[in-house]
């Protein structure tokens, strides 16, 4: 078994304020999961914290591009440095977010090392970009587009490594069946989208196993798994910024994650978006920790 290392990336730079004058609470995700003893339960080493810049959108207005862009760029490089170090050492980083923009750190790190794939387990595709939307701003809803080279160069072309991910190396799991806005574009780009309905029809374990096997090709050096807590149904995970109905249930998510994390070609995992501010009794956080621990149980 590879050595697991838990690394905190408590950035909320990629989300819009939940209400005027406030900041998104997902930066507390790592602390909440640590309260659930996730490090000890995973048998992991302590990876410390990559401290993010202060959340400050300044005088940003709609139409100005991605807010917090300079802070996001500098943080992406810092996080990439840490992720790269662990992957080079043959360790398995478990990165506790934060919002989904932390995926850029993993994608940049792996681009430095070679060609890697991404399995994004998320309620939405996070594929908003200037070519399909006039509401660009929150990188936490745009990280897959940014990672594949769509958007402003100060985020998509760090270190001259654009794109960090090739379209054909991305797989999207857990999108809501009702979400249609990105489906045609993603199909044209040959980026597979596996919806909640598809998972229930074909089986989470079988789909995940097939995906892991598809990434086991000489052209790829491995793949990364990105887990957004909003892939879960709001009946069990209400503590997210966009609690959309008809999501996965805990056992379905564990069945999906296990074959992916067990693959020798999987090199790391992000956990994002859970907001402890929306979970005053901590039950959703306890569930998320249980899911992550269970997903590794047979890996």
Protein backbone atom coordinates (compact mmCIF):
# COMPACT_ATOMS: atom_id res chain seq x y z
CA UNK A 1 0.00 0.00 0.00
CA UNK A 2 1.32 3.43 -0.89
CA UNK A 3 1.90 5.89 1.91
CA UNK A 4 -1.01 8.31 2.21
CA UNK A 5 -0.33 11.91 3.14
CA UNK A 6 -3.10 14.29 4.21
CA UNK A 7 -2.47 17.83 3.02
CA UNK A 8 -4.72 20.80 3.76
CA UNK A 9 -5.56 23.28 0.97
CA UNK A 10 -8.11 25.51 2.76
CA UNK A 11 -8.72 27.94 -0.09
CA UNK A 12 -12.08 29.56 -0.78
CA UNK A 13 -10.73 31.87 -3.48
CA UNK A 14 -12.83 30.31 -6.23
CA UNK A 15 -16.34 30.82 -4.81
CA UNK A 16 -18.73 33.74 -4.79
CA UNK A 17 -19.69 35.16 -1.38
CA UNK A 18 -22.72 33.32 0.04
CA UNK A 19 -24.14 36.69 1.08
CA UNK A 20 -22.76 40.22 0.63
CA UNK A 21 -19.86 40.95 2.94
CA UNK A 22 -19.23 37.31 3.88
CA UNK A 23 -16.78 34.68 2.66
CA UNK A 24 -17.46 31.03 1.73
CA UNK A 25 -16.98 28.69 4.68
CA UNK A 26 -15.53 25.75 2.75
CA UNK A 27 -12.05 26.80 3.90
CA UNK A 28 -13.03 25.07 7.18
CA UNK A 29 -13.47 21.68 5.44
CA UNK A 30 -10.03 20.39 6.34
CA UNK A 31 -10.40 21.28 10.00
CA UNK A 32 -13.81 19.64 10.19
CA UNK A 33 -12.56 16.38 8.66
CA UNK A 34 -9.54 16.41 10.93
CA UNK A 35 -11.94 16.63 13.87
CA UNK A 36 -13.32 13.34 12.55
CA UNK A 37 -9.77 11.92 12.90
CA UNK A 38 -9.47 11.37 9.18
CA UNK A 39 -5.65 11.37 9.27
CA UNK A 40 -5.53 8.59 11.86
CA UNK A 41 -8.34 6.61 10.26
CA UNK A 42 -6.58 6.66 6.89
CA UNK A 43 -3.31 5.64 8.51
CA UNK A 44 -1.84 8.69 6.79
CA UNK A 45 1.18 10.86 7.37
CA UNK A 46 0.78 14.53 8.24
CA UNK A 47 1.30 16.74 5.19
CA UNK A 48 0.65 20.10 6.82
CA UNK A 49 -1.13 23.09 5.30
CA UNK A 50 -0.69 25.18 2.16
CA UNK A 51 -1.94 28.53 3.48
CA UNK A 52 -4.00 30.49 0.95
CA UNK A 53 -4.00 34.26 0.39
CA UNK A 54 -6.77 36.34 1.93
CA UNK A 55 -10.15 36.26 0.18
CA UNK A 56 -10.54 39.75 -1.23
CA UNK A 57 -12.32 40.46 -4.51
CA UNK A 58 -11.46 44.14 -4.25
CA UNK A 59 -13.35 46.20 -6.82
CA UNK A 60 -14.02 43.23 -9.11
CA UNK A 61 -17.18 43.49 -11.22
CA UNK A 62 -18.96 41.10 -13.59
CA UNK A 63 -17.08 41.07 -16.86
CA UNK A 64 -13.65 41.44 -15.27
CA UNK A 65 -12.77 37.79 -15.71
CA UNK A 66 -11.98 35.44 -12.83
CA UNK A 67 -11.96 37.16 -9.45
CA UNK A 68 -9.03 36.59 -7.09
CA UNK A 69 -7.05 35.60 -10.22
CA UNK A 70 -3.63 36.77 -9.02
CA UNK A 71 -4.15 35.10 -5.64
CA UNK A 72 -5.39 31.92 -7.33
CA UNK A 73 -2.37 31.82 -9.63
CA UNK A 74 0.13 32.17 -6.80
CA UNK A 75 -1.73 29.63 -4.67
CA UNK A 76 -1.93 27.14 -7.53
CA UNK A 77 1.85 27.21 -7.87
CA UNK A 78 2.37 26.79 -4.11
CA UNK A 79 -0.04 23.88 -3.93
CA UNK A 80 1.45 22.30 -7.05
CA UNK A 81 4.89 22.39 -5.45
CA UNK A 82 3.62 20.38 -2.50
CA UNK A 83 1.57 17.91 -4.52
CA UNK A 84 4.47 17.34 -6.92
CA UNK A 85 6.83 16.57 -4.05
CA UNK A 86 4.54 13.87 -2.67
CA UNK A 87 3.82 12.28 -6.04
CA UNK A 88 7.52 12.23 -6.93
CA UNK A 89 8.18 10.46 -3.62
CA UNK A 90 5.67 7.76 -4.52
CA UNK A 91 3.24 8.94 -1.85
CA UNK A 92 -0.52 9.32 -2.28
CA UNK A 93 -1.68 12.85 -1.37
CA UNK A 94 -5.18 13.29 0.02
CA UNK A 95 -5.81 17.01 -0.34
CA UNK A 96 -8.51 18.51 1.86
CA UNK A 97 -9.99 21.71 0.38
CA UNK A 98 -11.27 24.27 -0.05
CA UNK A 99 -13.29 24.88 -3.12
CA UNK A 100 -12.87 23.17 -6.48
CA UNK A 101 -10.27 25.66 -7.72
CA UNK A 102 -7.68 23.71 -5.71
CA UNK A 103 -7.83 21.14 -8.53
CA UNK A 104 -5.67 23.53 -10.55
CA UNK A 105 -2.83 22.89 -8.10
CA UNK A 106 -3.00 19.14 -8.65
CA UNK A 107 -3.36 19.53 -12.41
CA UNK A 108 -0.35 21.84 -12.66
CA UNK A 109 1.75 19.52 -10.47
CA UNK A 110 0.96 16.52 -12.63
CA UNK A 111 1.51 18.44 -15.87
CA UNK A 112 5.06 19.13 -14.69
CA UNK A 113 5.56 15.40 -14.30
CA UNK A 114 3.99 14.14 -17.52
CA UNK A 115 0.56 13.37 -18.91
CA UNK A 116 -2.16 12.54 -16.39
CA UNK A 117 -5.91 12.10 -16.48
CA UNK A 118 -8.63 13.46 -14.23
CA UNK A 119 -11.74 11.81 -12.84
CA UNK A 120 -13.98 14.61 -11.53
CA UNK A 121 -16.79 13.34 -9.28
CA UNK A 122 -19.03 16.37 -9.12
CA UNK A 123 -22.67 17.41 -9.47
CA UNK A 124 -21.71 19.74 -12.33
CA UNK A 125 -19.08 19.78 -15.05
CA UNK A 126 -17.36 22.98 -13.83
CA UNK A 127 -16.77 23.79 -17.48
CA UNK A 128 -17.86 27.42 -17.64
CA UNK A 129 -15.50 29.49 -19.83
CA UNK A 130 -15.59 32.60 -22.05
CA UNK A 131 -16.67 30.51 -25.03
CA UNK A 132 -19.91 29.35 -23.45
CA UNK A 133 -20.79 31.89 -20.73
CA UNK A 134 -20.85 35.62 -20.06
CA UNK A 135 -20.74 35.02 -16.30
CA UNK A 136 -17.10 34.09 -15.79
CA UNK A 137 -15.75 34.85 -12.35
CA UNK A 138 -15.81 31.97 -9.87
CA UNK A 139 -12.93 29.59 -10.63
CA UNK A 140 -14.55 26.97 -8.39
CA UNK A 141 -17.12 26.45 -11.14
CA UNK A 142 -14.60 26.73 -13.95
CA UNK A 143 -11.62 24.60 -12.95
CA UNK A 144 -12.12 21.83 -15.53
CA UNK A 145 -12.35 24.43 -18.30
CA UNK A 146 -9.29 26.25 -16.95
CA UNK A 147 -7.37 22.99 -16.57
CA UNK A 148 -8.04 22.12 -20.21
CA UNK A 149 -6.78 25.51 -21.35
CA UNK A 150 -9.99 27.52 -21.67
CA UNK A 151 -9.91 30.97 -20.12
CA UNK A 152 -7.46 33.66 -19.21
CA UNK A 153 -3.76 32.92 -19.61
CA UNK A 154 -2.78 33.99 -16.09
CA UNK A 155 -4.60 30.86 -14.85
CA UNK A 156 -4.51 28.49 -17.83
CA UNK A 157 -0.86 28.90 -18.83
CA UNK A 158 1.13 28.94 -15.60
CA UNK A 159 4.78 28.08 -16.27
CA UNK A 160 3.95 27.86 -19.98
CA UNK A 161 2.36 24.43 -19.46
CA UNK A 162 -1.05 25.03 -21.07
CA UNK A 163 -3.11 22.88 -21.08
CA UNK A 164 -2.57 21.01 -17.83
CA UNK A 165 -5.10 18.39 -18.98
CA UNK A 166 -6.02 17.12 -22.42
CA UNK A 167 -9.73 16.93 -23.18
CA UNK A 168 -9.51 13.22 -23.92
CA UNK A 169 -7.97 12.56 -20.50
CA UNK A 170 -10.92 13.94 -18.50
CA UNK A 171 -13.86 11.90 -17.16
CA UNK A 172 -16.86 13.46 -15.40
CA UNK A 173 -18.96 11.42 -12.96
CA UNK A 174 -22.08 12.24 -10.96
CA UNK A 175 -23.43 15.16 -12.97
CA UNK A 176 -27.13 15.67 -12.43
CA UNK A 177 -29.27 14.27 -15.21
CA UNK A 178 -31.20 17.55 -15.34
CA UNK A 179 -28.07 19.59 -16.16
CA UNK A 180 -27.96 20.05 -19.93
CA UNK A 181 -26.07 23.29 -20.41
CA UNK A 182 -22.63 21.75 -21.02
CA UNK A 183 -23.65 18.34 -22.34
CA UNK A 184 -23.54 19.05 -26.10
CA UNK A 185 -20.21 20.87 -25.89
CA UNK A 186 -18.62 18.13 -23.80
CA UNK A 187 -19.91 15.45 -26.17
CA UNK A 188 -18.40 17.30 -29.12
CA UNK A 189 -15.07 17.42 -27.28
CA UNK A 190 -15.37 13.70 -26.50
CA UNK A 191 -15.24 14.33 -22.74
CA UNK A 192 -17.38 11.53 -21.24
CA UNK A 193 -20.11 12.59 -18.82
CA UNK A 194 -21.52 9.85 -16.60
CA UNK A 195 -24.67 11.13 -14.90
CA UNK A 196 -26.27 9.90 -11.69
CA UNK A 197 -28.80 8.04 -13.84
CA UNK A 198 -26.02 6.37 -15.82
CA UNK A 199 -24.33 5.27 -12.60
CA UNK A 200 -27.54 3.68 -11.37
CA UNK A 201 -28.20 2.00 -14.71
CA UNK A 202 -24.74 0.56 -15.29
CA UNK A 203 -23.45 0.23 -11.72
CA UNK A 204 -20.96 2.46 -9.93
CA UNK A 205 -18.33 -0.20 -9.38
CA UNK A 206 -18.38 -1.46 -12.97
CA UNK A 207 -18.14 2.05 -14.42
CA UNK A 208 -15.32 3.02 -12.09
CA UNK A 209 -13.39 -0.17 -12.82
CA UNK A 210 -13.74 0.40 -16.56
CA UNK A 211 -12.52 3.97 -16.16
CA UNK A 212 -9.49 2.91 -14.11
CA UNK A 213 -8.63 0.34 -16.78
CA UNK A 214 -9.04 2.92 -19.55
CA UNK A 215 -6.41 5.08 -17.86
CA UNK A 216 -3.96 2.17 -17.66
CA UNK A 217 -2.38 2.90 -21.04
CA UNK A 218 1.26 3.65 -21.92
CA UNK A 219 0.40 7.18 -23.10
CA UNK A 220 -0.72 8.18 -19.58
CA UNK A 221 1.36 8.40 -16.44
CA UNK A 222 -1.67 8.04 -14.16
CA UNK A 223 -4.76 9.92 -13.04
CA UNK A 224 -6.11 12.05 -10.21
CA UNK A 225 -9.55 11.91 -8.53
CA UNK A 226 -11.39 15.10 -7.64
CA UNK A 227 -14.33 14.72 -5.23
CA UNK A 228 -16.84 17.54 -4.79
CA UNK A 229 -19.18 16.88 -1.85
CA UNK A 230 -22.12 18.28 -3.81
CA UNK A 231 -22.19 15.07 -5.85
CA UNK A 232 -24.12 13.68 -2.88
CA UNK A 233 -27.85 14.19 -2.59
CA UNK A 234 -28.84 17.15 -0.36
CA UNK A 235 -30.82 14.77 1.85
CA UNK A 236 -27.46 13.54 3.17
CA UNK A 237 -25.16 16.45 2.20
CA UNK A 238 -26.94 19.79 2.51
CA UNK A 239 -23.78 21.65 3.55
CA UNK A 240 -22.61 22.76 0.10
CA UNK A 241 -22.99 25.99 -1.84
CA UNK A 242 -25.27 24.42 -4.50
CA UNK A 243 -27.33 21.58 -2.97
CA UNK A 244 -28.99 20.30 -6.13
CA UNK A 245 -31.46 17.39 -5.86
CA UNK A 246 -31.14 13.87 -7.28
CA UNK A 247 -27.55 13.22 -6.29
CA UNK A 248 -25.72 10.08 -5.29
CA UNK A 249 -26.28 8.33 -1.99
CA UNK A 250 -23.31 7.46 0.26
CA UNK A 251 -23.07 3.77 -0.67
CA UNK A 252 -23.18 4.66 -4.36
CA UNK A 253 -20.35 7.15 -3.94
CA UNK A 254 -18.20 4.68 -2.01
CA UNK A 255 -18.77 2.05 -4.70
CA UNK A 256 -17.69 4.56 -7.34
CA UNK A 257 -14.58 5.74 -5.51
CA UNK A 258 -13.18 2.39 -4.36
CA UNK A 259 -12.04 1.00 -7.73
CA UNK A 260 -10.60 4.37 -8.70
CA UNK A 261 -8.58 4.83 -5.53
CA UNK A 262 -7.49 1.18 -5.57
CA UNK A 263 -5.97 1.53 -9.03
CA UNK A 264 -2.15 1.63 -9.00
CA UNK A 265 -2.46 4.36 -11.64
CA UNK A 266 -4.37 6.71 -9.30
CA UNK A 267 -1.91 9.18 -7.77
CA UNK A 268 -4.06 11.38 -5.51
CA UNK A 269 -7.41 12.69 -4.32
CA UNK A 270 -8.99 16.09 -3.64
CA UNK A 271 -11.99 16.58 -1.34
CA UNK A 272 -13.81 19.88 -1.78
CA UNK A 273 -16.85 22.14 -1.22
CA UNK A 274 -18.26 20.84 2.08
CA UNK A 275 -18.99 23.94 4.19
CA UNK A 276 -19.01 23.46 7.98
CA UNK A 277 -20.82 26.79 8.38
CA UNK A 278 -23.86 25.06 6.84
CA UNK A 279 -23.52 22.00 9.09
CA UNK A 280 -23.91 23.22 12.67
CA UNK A 281 -24.22 19.76 14.21
CA UNK A 282 -21.41 18.28 12.13
CA UNK A 283 -23.39 15.30 10.80
CA UNK A 284 -22.65 15.98 7.14
CA UNK A 285 -18.95 16.36 7.88
CA UNK A 286 -18.91 13.09 9.79
CA UNK A 287 -20.59 11.40 6.82
CA UNK A 288 -18.07 12.83 4.37
CA UNK A 289 -15.18 11.59 6.50
CA UNK A 290 -16.79 8.14 6.70
CA UNK A 291 -17.17 8.04 2.92
CA UNK A 292 -13.54 8.94 2.28
CA UNK A 293 -12.28 6.39 4.81
CA UNK A 294 -14.58 3.69 3.42
CA UNK A 295 -13.49 4.46 -0.14
CA UNK A 296 -9.91 3.61 0.80
CA UNK A 297 -10.83 0.53 2.80
CA UNK A 298 -9.93 -1.95 0.07
CA UNK A 299 -7.34 0.12 -1.76
